[in-house]
Amino acid sequence: MVFAILALALEVGSLVIYAAAAGFSTSLNVPPTQLLASGSSGADLIRWGSLVDMFGYLCIPPVVLFLQDRYGGARLIDVYATAGLALVVIGSIGAVVMATAAPFLINHYPTASPAERQTLEFVFAALYRAVVEGMWQTLETIPAAVWLLGTAIAARAEPRRSIFWILLVIGLANAGIGLFRLSGL
C-alpha cells in the first residue's frame, strides 16, 4: 500500500512540475516549442519532473508483485504482472530520456542562431512526440491497461471491492488514452 501511495504521489508531483515548466498552461496539448522556449528554469523543471516521474514508475514493481502474489491463484495473473512490469520499463525509459535530452536542447535554444533554432525546434518536437505521445500516452497505456484490468478481474471476487474498483477505473482510463492515441484523434 505504501508503494502504491508513493507511486501515485510521485506521478502527481511530476505532473505539477511538468505543468510548471509549461507555465501552468490550461491547454491539454502544450506545444513543444513552448517548452523549448522555457529557458533554464524550464529545463530544470523538465529534468526534475522527469526524475520524479522515473521514481514514481520505480515504485510500481512492488505493487505489481504484491498483487500478483495476492491473486496468485487467478488465471493469467502472471501475464498481467508481466504487463505491469512492462509499464514500468517503458515509462521509466521515457522519463530518463526526457531528463537527459530535453534540458540539453532547452538550454541551447536561447543562444542558437535562427537556423540552429529551427533545427532545435524540429529535434525537440520529435523528442516530445516520441516520448510523451509515443511512449507515455500510447505504448505504456497498453500494458498498463492489461495489468490493471486483468488484475481487477482477479480481484472482483473479493468481499472488499475497493481494489477492484480502483484498478478498473485506472485501467479503463489507460485503455481510453491508448485508444485515443492509436485512433489518431
Foldseek 3Di string as FASTA:
>chain_A
DVLLVLLVVLLVVLVVLLCVLLVVDPDPDRQLVSSLQSELSSLVSLLVSLVSNLVSLVSQLVVLVVLCVVLVVDPCSVVLSVLSVVLSVLRNVLSVCRNPPVSVLSHVQVVDDPVVNVVSSVVSNVSCCCRVLNRPQAVSLVSLLSNLQVSLVSCCPDPDNPSNVVSNVVSVVSVVSNVVSVVVD
